[in-house]
């Protein structure tokens, strides 16, 4: 069904993206519901069995709409890019991808895009693919640029006393037994 139909091939890939993004957003909301932020030192999130939230923290998300921060303090205005905001953005993105997948599945035939007078396709499919590819590239670059610089998001190029938002540092690979320690930056478990 999918091999010779480009519309349906795109549809199943967009649906896969929707499922992955929806899982990430809903799993983050579930983890936020069961996470206890009262003691970030002796009872950190990884010890509580969290999976998605530590990845968000590593990318610079440190505040919650619940008023807590991963650093242990309280937050009065966490902004839109908090744990809940990122989870919600994933769920909204998942819904948009779901709608796009449904559209591409329903209109897979592309006979509706033929010129009635000539009987030839009235769409330039490589051009449409190129436009979609260009727009997704601009969106990815914009997301990355805004996220890294902190223009619209947490930013990873800022100084942080706890070292949570990241910094550029050289990492030498640890090939020995110490490489299995998750706190060694060059290890395979970090």
N, C-alpha and C. Protein backbone atom coordinates (compact mmCIF):
# COMPACT_ATOMS: atom_id res chain seq x y z
N UNK A 1 0.82 -1.19 0.00
CA UNK A 1 0.00 0.00 0.00
C UNK A 1 0.87 1.26 0.00
N UNK A 2 2.04 1.19 0.62
CA UNK A 2 2.83 2.40 0.83
C UNK A 2 3.96 2.55 -0.19
N UNK A 3 4.41 1.45 -0.77
CA UNK A 3 5.65 1.50 -1.55
C UNK A 3 5.58 2.42 -2.76
N UNK A 4 4.52 2.37 -3.52
CA UNK A 4 4.45 3.15 -4.75
C UNK A 4 3.59 4.40 -4.63
N UNK A 5 3.22 4.76 -3.43
CA UNK A 5 2.38 5.94 -3.23
C UNK A 5 3.14 6.95 -2.39
N UNK A 6 3.67 7.99 -3.00
CA UNK A 6 4.47 8.95 -2.23
C UNK A 6 3.67 9.67 -1.15
N UNK A 7 2.38 9.92 -1.41
CA UNK A 7 1.57 10.59 -0.40
C UNK A 7 1.40 9.74 0.84
N UNK A 8 1.17 8.45 0.64
CA UNK A 8 1.01 7.56 1.80
C UNK A 8 2.34 7.27 2.47
N UNK A 9 3.42 7.25 1.71
CA UNK A 9 4.74 7.08 2.31
C UNK A 9 5.06 8.25 3.23
N UNK A 10 4.76 9.45 2.78
CA UNK A 10 4.95 10.62 3.64
C UNK A 10 4.02 10.55 4.84
N UNK A 11 2.81 10.08 4.61
CA UNK A 11 1.82 10.02 5.69
C UNK A 11 2.28 9.13 6.83
N UNK A 12 2.80 7.95 6.53
CA UNK A 12 3.21 7.06 7.62
C UNK A 12 4.42 7.62 8.36
N UNK A 13 5.29 8.33 7.67
CA UNK A 13 6.44 8.92 8.36
C UNK A 13 6.02 10.10 9.23
N UNK A 14 5.08 10.90 8.75
CA UNK A 14 4.57 12.00 9.57
C UNK A 14 3.82 11.45 10.78
N UNK A 15 3.08 10.37 10.59
CA UNK A 15 2.36 9.76 11.71
C UNK A 15 3.34 9.21 12.74
N UNK A 16 4.46 8.66 12.28
CA UNK A 16 5.47 8.18 13.21
C UNK A 16 6.03 9.34 14.03
N UNK A 17 6.29 10.46 13.38
CA UNK A 17 6.75 11.64 14.10
C UNK A 17 5.71 12.11 15.11
N UNK A 18 4.44 12.05 14.73
CA UNK A 18 3.37 12.44 15.65
C UNK A 18 3.32 11.52 16.86
N UNK A 19 3.49 10.22 16.64
CA UNK A 19 3.46 9.28 17.76
C UNK A 19 4.64 9.50 18.70
N UNK A 20 5.82 9.72 18.16
CA UNK A 20 7.00 9.93 19.00
C UNK A 20 6.87 11.23 19.79
N UNK A 21 6.45 12.31 19.13
CA UNK A 21 6.30 13.59 19.83
C UNK A 21 5.19 13.51 20.87
N UNK A 22 4.09 12.84 20.54
CA UNK A 22 3.01 12.68 21.51
C UNK A 22 3.44 11.86 22.71
N UNK A 23 4.22 10.81 22.46
CA UNK A 23 4.73 10.02 23.58
C UNK A 23 5.63 10.87 24.47
N UNK A 24 6.53 11.65 23.87
CA UNK A 24 7.45 12.46 24.66
C UNK A 24 6.69 13.47 25.51
N UNK A 25 5.69 14.14 24.93
CA UNK A 25 4.93 15.11 25.70
C UNK A 25 4.10 14.49 26.80
N UNK A 26 3.41 13.41 26.49
CA UNK A 26 2.58 12.78 27.52
C UNK A 26 3.42 12.11 28.59
N UNK A 27 4.57 11.55 28.23
CA UNK A 27 5.45 10.94 29.23
C UNK A 27 6.03 12.02 30.15
N UNK A 28 6.35 13.18 29.58
CA UNK A 28 6.85 14.28 30.42
C UNK A 28 5.78 14.74 31.40
N UNK A 29 4.53 14.84 30.95
CA UNK A 29 3.46 15.24 31.86
C UNK A 29 3.24 14.18 32.95
N UNK A 30 3.33 12.91 32.59
CA UNK A 30 3.21 11.86 33.60
C UNK A 30 4.33 11.95 34.62
N UNK A 31 5.57 12.12 34.14
CA UNK A 31 6.69 12.21 35.07
C UNK A 31 6.57 13.43 35.97
N UNK A 32 6.06 14.54 35.43
CA UNK A 32 5.86 15.73 36.27
C UNK A 32 4.80 15.47 37.34
N UNK A 33 3.83 14.63 37.04
CA UNK A 33 2.78 14.34 38.01
C UNK A 33 3.30 13.50 39.17
N UNK A 34 4.29 12.65 38.93
CA UNK A 34 4.78 11.77 40.00
C UNK A 34 6.12 12.23 40.56
N UNK A 35 6.72 13.28 40.01
CA UNK A 35 8.04 13.74 40.46
C UNK A 35 7.93 14.51 41.76
N UNK A 36 8.85 14.25 42.69
CA UNK A 36 8.91 14.96 43.97
C UNK A 36 10.15 15.85 43.96
N UNK A 37 9.97 17.17 43.77
CA UNK A 37 11.14 18.06 43.68
C UNK A 37 11.65 18.57 45.02
N UNK A 38 11.20 17.99 46.13
CA UNK A 38 11.52 18.56 47.44
C UNK A 38 13.00 18.44 47.79
N UNK A 39 13.70 17.41 47.32
CA UNK A 39 15.11 17.24 47.67
C UNK A 39 15.90 16.87 46.41
N UNK A 40 16.38 17.88 45.65
CA UNK A 40 17.08 17.57 44.41
C UNK A 40 18.47 16.99 44.61
N UNK A 41 19.00 17.03 45.84
CA UNK A 41 20.35 16.53 46.08
C UNK A 41 20.33 15.05 46.47
N UNK A 42 19.55 14.70 47.49
CA UNK A 42 19.54 13.33 47.97
C UNK A 42 18.51 12.45 47.27
N UNK A 43 17.52 13.06 46.62
CA UNK A 43 16.52 12.31 45.89
C UNK A 43 16.34 12.93 44.50
N UNK A 44 17.36 12.83 43.64
CA UNK A 44 17.26 13.48 42.32
C UNK A 44 16.29 12.75 41.41
N UNK A 45 16.02 13.38 40.28
CA UNK A 45 15.00 12.84 39.37
C UNK A 45 15.38 11.48 38.80
N UNK A 46 16.65 11.25 38.55
CA UNK A 46 17.02 9.95 37.99
C UNK A 46 16.84 8.84 39.01
N UNK A 47 16.92 9.16 40.29
CA UNK A 47 16.70 8.15 41.32
C UNK A 47 15.21 7.85 41.48
N UNK A 48 14.37 8.77 41.06
CA UNK A 48 12.92 8.56 41.12
C UNK A 48 12.38 7.87 39.87
N UNK A 49 13.25 7.46 38.98
CA UNK A 49 12.83 6.72 37.80
C UNK A 49 12.39 7.59 36.64
N UNK A 50 12.78 8.85 36.63
CA UNK A 50 12.40 9.73 35.53
C UNK A 50 13.25 9.40 34.30
N UNK A 51 12.66 9.52 33.12
CA UNK A 51 13.38 9.26 31.88
C UNK A 51 13.42 10.48 30.97
N UNK A 52 12.29 11.15 30.78
CA UNK A 52 12.21 12.27 29.85
C UNK A 52 12.71 13.56 30.48
N UNK A 53 12.35 13.80 31.73
CA UNK A 53 12.70 15.07 32.39
C UNK A 53 14.21 15.28 32.48
N UNK A 54 15.03 14.27 32.76
CA UNK A 54 16.48 14.54 32.77
C UNK A 54 17.03 15.01 31.43
N UNK A 55 16.47 14.53 30.33
CA UNK A 55 16.92 15.01 29.03
C UNK A 55 16.53 16.47 28.83
N UNK A 56 15.34 16.85 29.29
CA UNK A 56 14.93 18.24 29.20
C UNK A 56 15.83 19.12 30.06
N UNK A 57 16.19 18.63 31.24
CA UNK A 57 17.06 19.39 32.13
C UNK A 57 18.44 19.57 31.51
N UNK A 58 18.92 18.54 30.86
CA UNK A 58 20.23 18.63 30.23
C UNK A 58 20.24 19.65 29.10
N UNK A 59 19.09 19.91 28.49
CA UNK A 59 18.99 20.91 27.44
C UNK A 59 18.74 22.31 27.98
N UNK A 60 18.58 22.45 29.30
CA UNK A 60 18.47 23.78 29.89
C UNK A 60 17.14 24.10 30.51
N UNK A 61 16.16 23.22 30.47
CA UNK A 61 14.87 23.46 31.11
C UNK A 61 15.04 23.15 32.59
N UNK A 62 14.82 24.15 33.45
CA UNK A 62 15.06 23.94 34.89
C UNK A 62 13.89 24.34 35.76
N UNK A 63 12.86 24.99 35.22
CA UNK A 63 11.76 25.51 36.03
C UNK A 63 10.45 24.82 35.69
N UNK A 64 9.52 24.87 36.66
CA UNK A 64 8.20 24.28 36.46
C UNK A 64 7.12 25.32 36.74
N UNK A 65 5.97 25.14 36.11
CA UNK A 65 4.83 26.01 36.41
C UNK A 65 4.33 25.78 37.82
N UNK A 66 4.76 24.71 38.47
CA UNK A 66 4.38 24.44 39.86
C UNK A 66 5.14 25.31 40.85
N UNK A 67 6.08 26.12 40.38
CA UNK A 67 6.81 27.02 41.25
C UNK A 67 8.13 26.49 41.75
N UNK A 68 8.55 25.30 41.33
CA UNK A 68 9.81 24.74 41.79
C UNK A 68 10.84 24.78 40.67
N UNK A 69 12.08 24.72 41.08
CA UNK A 69 13.20 24.68 40.15
C UNK A 69 14.05 23.47 40.47
N UNK A 70 14.75 22.97 39.49
CA UNK A 70 15.58 21.79 39.71
C UNK A 70 16.78 22.13 40.60
N UNK A 71 17.09 23.40 40.73
CA UNK A 71 18.20 23.81 41.60
C UNK A 71 17.79 23.84 43.06
N UNK A 72 16.53 23.63 43.37
CA UNK A 72 16.07 23.58 44.75
C UNK A 72 15.33 24.82 45.20
N UNK A 73 15.38 25.89 44.44
CA UNK A 73 14.71 27.12 44.82
C UNK A 73 13.29 27.17 44.31
N UNK A 74 12.63 28.27 44.66
CA UNK A 74 11.27 28.49 44.16
C UNK A 74 11.33 29.50 43.02
N UNK A 75 10.38 29.39 42.12
CA UNK A 75 10.34 30.23 40.94
C UNK A 75 8.99 30.92 40.90
N UNK A 76 8.98 32.24 40.69
CA UNK A 76 7.72 32.96 40.61
C UNK A 76 7.22 33.08 39.18
N UNK A 77 8.11 33.21 38.21
CA UNK A 77 7.70 33.32 36.81
C UNK A 77 8.58 32.41 35.96
N UNK A 78 8.17 31.15 35.78
CA UNK A 78 9.02 30.22 35.03
C UNK A 78 9.02 30.46 33.53
N UNK A 79 8.07 31.23 33.01
CA UNK A 79 8.00 31.47 31.58
C UNK A 79 7.31 30.32 30.85
N UNK A 80 7.22 30.47 29.55
CA UNK A 80 6.50 29.45 28.77
C UNK A 80 7.35 28.21 28.57
N UNK A 81 8.67 28.34 28.52
CA UNK A 81 9.52 27.17 28.27
C UNK A 81 9.94 26.53 29.58
N UNK A 82 8.95 26.06 30.31
CA UNK A 82 9.19 25.27 31.51
C UNK A 82 8.98 23.81 31.13
N UNK A 83 9.04 22.93 32.12
CA UNK A 83 8.80 21.51 31.83
C UNK A 83 7.43 21.30 31.20
N UNK A 84 6.42 21.94 31.76
CA UNK A 84 5.06 21.78 31.25
C UNK A 84 4.91 22.42 29.87
N UNK A 85 5.56 23.56 29.66
CA UNK A 85 5.49 24.22 28.37
C UNK A 85 6.09 23.40 27.25
N UNK A 86 7.23 22.77 27.52
CA UNK A 86 7.87 21.92 26.51
C UNK A 86 7.02 20.68 26.25
N UNK A 87 6.45 20.10 27.31
CA UNK A 87 5.58 18.93 27.13
C UNK A 87 4.35 19.31 26.31
N UNK A 88 3.76 20.45 26.61
CA UNK A 88 2.61 20.92 25.85
C UNK A 88 2.95 21.20 24.39
N UNK A 89 4.13 21.78 24.15
CA UNK A 89 4.55 22.04 22.78
C UNK A 89 4.71 20.74 22.00
N UNK A 90 5.21 19.70 22.66
CA UNK A 90 5.33 18.40 21.99
C UNK A 90 3.95 17.83 21.65
N UNK A 91 2.99 18.01 22.55
CA UNK A 91 1.65 17.47 22.30
C UNK A 91 0.96 18.25 21.18
N UNK A 92 1.13 19.57 21.15
CA UNK A 92 0.55 20.37 20.06
C UNK A 92 1.19 20.00 18.73
N UNK A 93 2.52 19.86 18.73
CA UNK A 93 3.23 19.45 17.52
C UNK A 93 2.76 18.06 17.06
N UNK A 94 2.52 17.18 18.01
CA UNK A 94 2.03 15.84 17.68
C UNK A 94 0.66 15.93 17.01
N UNK A 95 -0.20 16.77 17.53
CA UNK A 95 -1.52 16.93 16.92
C UNK A 95 -1.46 17.49 15.52
N UNK A 96 -0.58 18.47 15.29
CA UNK A 96 -0.43 19.03 13.95
C UNK A 96 0.13 17.99 12.98
N UNK A 97 1.08 17.20 13.44
CA UNK A 97 1.62 16.13 12.59
C UNK A 97 0.56 15.08 12.31
N UNK A 98 -0.28 14.79 13.29
CA UNK A 98 -1.37 13.84 13.09
C UNK A 98 -2.31 14.33 11.99
N UNK A 99 -2.68 15.61 12.05
CA UNK A 99 -3.57 16.16 11.02
C UNK A 99 -2.90 16.15 9.65
N UNK A 100 -1.61 16.46 9.60
CA UNK A 100 -0.89 16.42 8.32
C UNK A 100 -0.82 15.00 7.78
N UNK A 101 -0.62 14.03 8.66
CA UNK A 101 -0.58 12.63 8.21
C UNK A 101 -1.93 12.19 7.67
N UNK A 102 -3.00 12.58 8.33
CA UNK A 102 -4.34 12.23 7.85
C UNK A 102 -4.59 12.87 6.49
N UNK A 103 -4.20 14.14 6.33
CA UNK A 103 -4.40 14.82 5.04
C UNK A 103 -3.64 14.11 3.94
N UNK A 104 -2.38 13.76 4.19
CA UNK A 104 -1.58 13.10 3.16
C UNK A 104 -2.10 11.69 2.86
N UNK A 105 -2.70 11.03 3.85
CA UNK A 105 -3.24 9.69 3.61
C UNK A 105 -4.52 9.78 2.77
N UNK A 106 -5.36 10.76 3.06
CA UNK A 106 -6.63 10.88 2.34
C UNK A 106 -6.39 11.36 0.91
N UNK A 107 -5.50 12.31 0.72
CA UNK A 107 -5.24 12.87 -0.61
C UNK A 107 -3.98 12.28 -1.22
N UNK A 108 -3.83 10.98 -1.11
CA UNK A 108 -2.62 10.33 -1.61
C UNK A 108 -2.64 10.17 -3.12
N UNK A 109 -3.82 10.14 -3.72
CA UNK A 109 -3.95 9.79 -5.13
C UNK A 109 -3.39 10.87 -6.04
N UNK A 110 -3.54 12.10 -5.66
CA UNK A 110 -3.06 13.26 -6.41
C UNK A 110 -3.73 13.44 -7.77
N UNK A 111 -4.76 12.62 -8.07
CA UNK A 111 -5.50 12.85 -9.31
C UNK A 111 -6.37 14.10 -9.20
N UNK A 112 -6.64 14.53 -7.98
CA UNK A 112 -7.44 15.74 -7.82
C UNK A 112 -6.63 16.98 -8.21
N UNK A 113 -5.31 16.81 -8.37
CA UNK A 113 -4.48 17.94 -8.72
C UNK A 113 -4.13 17.96 -10.22
N UNK A 114 -4.93 17.29 -11.03
CA UNK A 114 -4.68 17.31 -12.47
C UNK A 114 -5.48 18.43 -13.12
N UNK A 115 -4.90 18.95 -14.16
CA UNK A 115 -5.57 19.99 -14.93
C UNK A 115 -6.66 19.33 -15.78
N UNK A 116 -7.90 19.79 -15.65
CA UNK A 116 -9.01 19.16 -16.35
C UNK A 116 -8.91 19.35 -17.86
N UNK A 117 -8.30 20.44 -18.29
CA UNK A 117 -8.22 20.71 -19.73
C UNK A 117 -7.19 19.83 -20.42
N UNK A 118 -6.02 19.66 -19.78
CA UNK A 118 -4.94 18.91 -20.43
C UNK A 118 -4.81 17.49 -19.91
N UNK A 119 -5.29 17.21 -18.72
CA UNK A 119 -5.14 15.89 -18.14
C UNK A 119 -3.78 15.66 -17.52
N UNK A 120 -2.94 16.68 -17.49
CA UNK A 120 -1.60 16.55 -16.91
C UNK A 120 -1.61 17.05 -15.47
N UNK A 121 -0.67 16.55 -14.67
CA UNK A 121 -0.59 17.05 -13.28
C UNK A 121 -0.31 18.55 -13.25
N UNK A 122 -1.04 19.24 -12.41
CA UNK A 122 -0.87 20.69 -12.32
C UNK A 122 0.05 21.07 -11.17
N UNK A 123 0.59 20.08 -10.50
CA UNK A 123 1.50 20.35 -9.39
C UNK A 123 2.91 19.95 -9.77
N UNK A 124 3.86 20.77 -9.36
CA UNK A 124 5.27 20.44 -9.54
C UNK A 124 5.73 19.78 -8.24
N UNK A 125 5.68 18.45 -8.19
CA UNK A 125 5.93 17.73 -6.95
C UNK A 125 7.34 17.93 -6.40
N UNK A 126 8.39 17.91 -7.23
CA UNK A 126 9.71 18.20 -6.66
C UNK A 126 9.80 19.60 -6.05
N UNK A 127 9.11 20.55 -6.67
CA UNK A 127 9.11 21.91 -6.12
C UNK A 127 8.38 21.94 -4.78
N UNK A 128 7.28 21.24 -4.67
CA UNK A 128 6.54 21.19 -3.41
C UNK A 128 7.37 20.51 -2.34
N UNK A 129 8.04 19.41 -2.71
CA UNK A 129 8.92 18.73 -1.76
C UNK A 129 10.05 19.66 -1.32
N UNK A 130 10.62 20.39 -2.27
CA UNK A 130 11.69 21.32 -1.93
C UNK A 130 11.23 22.42 -0.99
N UNK A 131 10.03 22.92 -1.22
CA UNK A 131 9.49 23.96 -0.33
C UNK A 131 9.28 23.41 1.07
N UNK A 132 8.70 22.21 1.17
CA UNK A 132 8.51 21.60 2.49
C UNK A 132 9.84 21.35 3.18
N UNK A 133 10.82 20.87 2.43
CA UNK A 133 12.14 20.61 3.00
C UNK A 133 12.80 21.90 3.47
N UNK A 134 12.68 22.96 2.67
CA UNK A 134 13.26 24.25 3.05
C UNK A 134 12.59 24.80 4.30
N UNK A 135 11.26 24.74 4.35
CA UNK A 135 10.55 25.27 5.51
C UNK A 135 10.85 24.49 6.78
N UNK A 136 10.96 23.17 6.67
CA UNK A 136 11.32 22.39 7.87
C UNK A 136 12.75 22.68 8.29
N UNK A 137 13.64 22.92 7.34
CA UNK A 137 15.01 23.30 7.68
C UNK A 137 15.07 24.65 8.37
N UNK A 138 14.28 25.61 7.88
CA UNK A 138 14.23 26.93 8.53
C UNK A 138 13.67 26.81 9.94
N UNK A 139 12.64 25.98 10.11
CA UNK A 139 12.06 25.79 11.44
C UNK A 139 13.06 25.15 12.40
N UNK A 140 13.77 24.14 11.93
CA UNK A 140 14.77 23.48 12.79
C UNK A 140 15.91 24.42 13.13
N UNK A 141 16.39 25.17 12.14
CA UNK A 141 17.47 26.11 12.40
C UNK A 141 17.01 27.22 13.35
N UNK A 142 15.80 27.71 13.13
CA UNK A 142 15.28 28.76 14.02
C UNK A 142 15.11 28.27 15.44
N UNK A 143 14.58 27.06 15.59
CA UNK A 143 14.43 26.49 16.93
C UNK A 143 15.79 26.36 17.60
N UNK A 144 16.76 25.83 16.88
CA UNK A 144 18.09 25.66 17.45
C UNK A 144 18.75 26.98 17.78
N UNK A 145 18.65 27.95 16.87
CA UNK A 145 19.28 29.25 17.11
C UNK A 145 18.64 29.96 18.29
N UNK A 146 17.33 29.96 18.36
CA UNK A 146 16.67 30.61 19.48
C UNK A 146 16.94 29.89 20.79
N UNK A 147 17.00 28.56 20.74
CA UNK A 147 17.22 27.79 21.96
C UNK A 147 18.65 27.98 22.48
N UNK A 148 19.61 27.92 21.58
CA UNK A 148 21.02 27.99 22.00
C UNK A 148 21.36 29.38 22.52
N UNK A 149 20.89 30.42 21.84
CA UNK A 149 21.25 31.78 22.23
C UNK A 149 20.45 32.30 23.40
N UNK A 150 19.33 31.69 23.72
CA UNK A 150 18.50 32.17 24.81
C UNK A 150 17.58 33.29 24.39
N UNK A 151 17.49 33.57 23.09
CA UNK A 151 16.61 34.63 22.62
C UNK A 151 15.15 34.30 22.93
N UNK A 152 14.77 33.04 22.74
CA UNK A 152 13.41 32.61 23.05
C UNK A 152 13.50 31.19 23.58
N UNK A 153 13.81 31.06 24.82
CA UNK A 153 14.02 29.76 25.43
C UNK A 153 15.08 29.87 26.51
N UNK A 154 15.50 28.76 27.06
CA UNK A 154 16.43 28.82 28.19
C UNK A 154 17.83 29.23 27.79
N UNK A 155 18.29 28.86 26.62
CA UNK A 155 19.66 29.17 26.21
C UNK A 155 20.66 28.27 26.90
N UNK A 156 21.68 27.87 26.16
CA UNK A 156 22.71 27.03 26.77
C UNK A 156 24.05 27.75 26.80
N UNK A 157 24.09 29.00 26.34
CA UNK A 157 25.35 29.74 26.37
C UNK A 157 25.32 30.81 27.45
N UNK A 158 24.79 30.49 28.60
CA UNK A 158 24.77 31.42 29.71
C UNK A 158 25.52 30.79 30.87
N UNK A 159 26.03 31.63 31.76
CA UNK A 159 26.73 31.09 32.92
C UNK A 159 25.70 30.62 33.94
N UNK A 160 25.99 29.50 34.56
CA UNK A 160 25.07 28.90 35.51
C UNK A 160 25.88 28.36 36.67
N UNK A 161 25.58 28.78 37.91
CA UNK A 161 26.40 28.32 39.03
C UNK A 161 26.33 26.81 39.27
N UNK A 162 25.26 26.17 38.81
CA UNK A 162 25.13 24.73 39.02
C UNK A 162 25.62 23.91 37.82
N UNK A 163 25.92 24.58 36.71
CA UNK A 163 26.39 23.87 35.53
C UNK A 163 25.31 23.05 34.85
N UNK A 164 24.05 23.47 34.98
CA UNK A 164 22.95 22.69 34.41
C UNK A 164 22.69 23.01 32.95
N UNK A 165 22.95 24.26 32.54
CA UNK A 165 22.57 24.66 31.19
C UNK A 165 23.63 24.33 30.16
N UNK A 166 24.75 23.84 30.56
CA UNK A 166 25.74 23.38 29.61
C UNK A 166 26.80 24.41 29.27
N UNK A 167 27.90 23.92 28.80
CA UNK A 167 29.00 24.77 28.35
C UNK A 167 29.84 23.95 27.39
N UNK A 168 30.64 24.65 26.62
CA UNK A 168 31.52 23.97 25.68
C UNK A 168 32.79 23.58 26.41
N UNK A 169 33.14 22.32 26.36
CA UNK A 169 34.37 21.85 26.98
C UNK A 169 34.89 20.67 26.18
N UNK A 170 36.20 20.52 26.20
CA UNK A 170 36.78 19.38 25.50
C UNK A 170 36.60 18.13 26.36
N UNK A 171 36.32 17.03 25.71
CA UNK A 171 36.09 15.78 26.42
C UNK A 171 37.04 14.73 25.85
N UNK A 172 37.87 14.19 26.72
CA UNK A 172 38.74 13.09 26.32
C UNK A 172 38.02 11.78 26.63
N UNK A 173 38.00 10.87 25.68
CA UNK A 173 37.31 9.60 25.93
C UNK A 173 37.97 8.81 27.04
N UNK A 174 37.14 8.23 27.88
CA UNK A 174 37.63 7.36 28.95
C UNK A 174 37.41 5.92 28.51
N UNK A 175 38.48 5.26 28.11
CA UNK A 175 38.36 3.92 27.53
C UNK A 175 38.44 2.83 28.58
N UNK A 176 38.85 3.15 29.79
CA UNK A 176 39.02 2.13 30.81
C UNK A 176 37.76 1.88 31.61
N UNK A 177 37.95 1.34 32.80
CA UNK A 177 36.83 1.01 33.68
C UNK A 177 36.10 2.28 34.11
N UNK A 178 36.83 3.39 34.25
CA UNK A 178 36.19 4.63 34.67
C UNK A 178 35.18 5.13 33.64
N UNK A 179 35.22 4.63 32.43
CA UNK A 179 34.27 5.03 31.41
C UNK A 179 32.86 4.57 31.67
N UNK A 180 32.69 3.62 32.58
CA UNK A 180 31.35 3.13 32.92
C UNK A 180 30.71 3.94 34.04
N UNK A 181 31.43 4.90 34.60
CA UNK A 181 30.89 5.79 35.62
C UNK A 181 30.05 6.86 34.92
N UNK A 182 28.77 7.01 35.26
CA UNK A 182 27.94 8.00 34.56
C UNK A 182 28.33 9.44 34.84
N UNK A 183 29.19 9.68 35.82
CA UNK A 183 29.58 11.05 36.13
C UNK A 183 30.89 11.44 35.46
N UNK A 184 31.48 10.56 34.68
CA UNK A 184 32.68 10.87 33.91
C UNK A 184 32.23 11.36 32.53
N UNK A 185 32.54 12.62 32.16
CA UNK A 185 32.02 13.15 30.89
C UNK A 185 32.44 12.36 29.66
N UNK A 186 33.60 11.74 29.69
CA UNK A 186 34.06 11.01 28.52
C UNK A 186 33.67 9.55 28.51
N UNK A 187 32.88 9.12 29.46
CA UNK A 187 32.50 7.72 29.55
C UNK A 187 31.38 7.36 28.61
N UNK A 188 31.20 6.08 28.40
CA UNK A 188 30.14 5.62 27.50
C UNK A 188 28.78 5.66 28.18
N UNK A 189 28.76 5.80 29.50
CA UNK A 189 27.50 5.79 30.23
C UNK A 189 27.00 7.20 30.52
N UNK A 190 27.75 8.24 30.12
CA UNK A 190 27.31 9.61 30.44
C UNK A 190 26.39 10.16 29.38
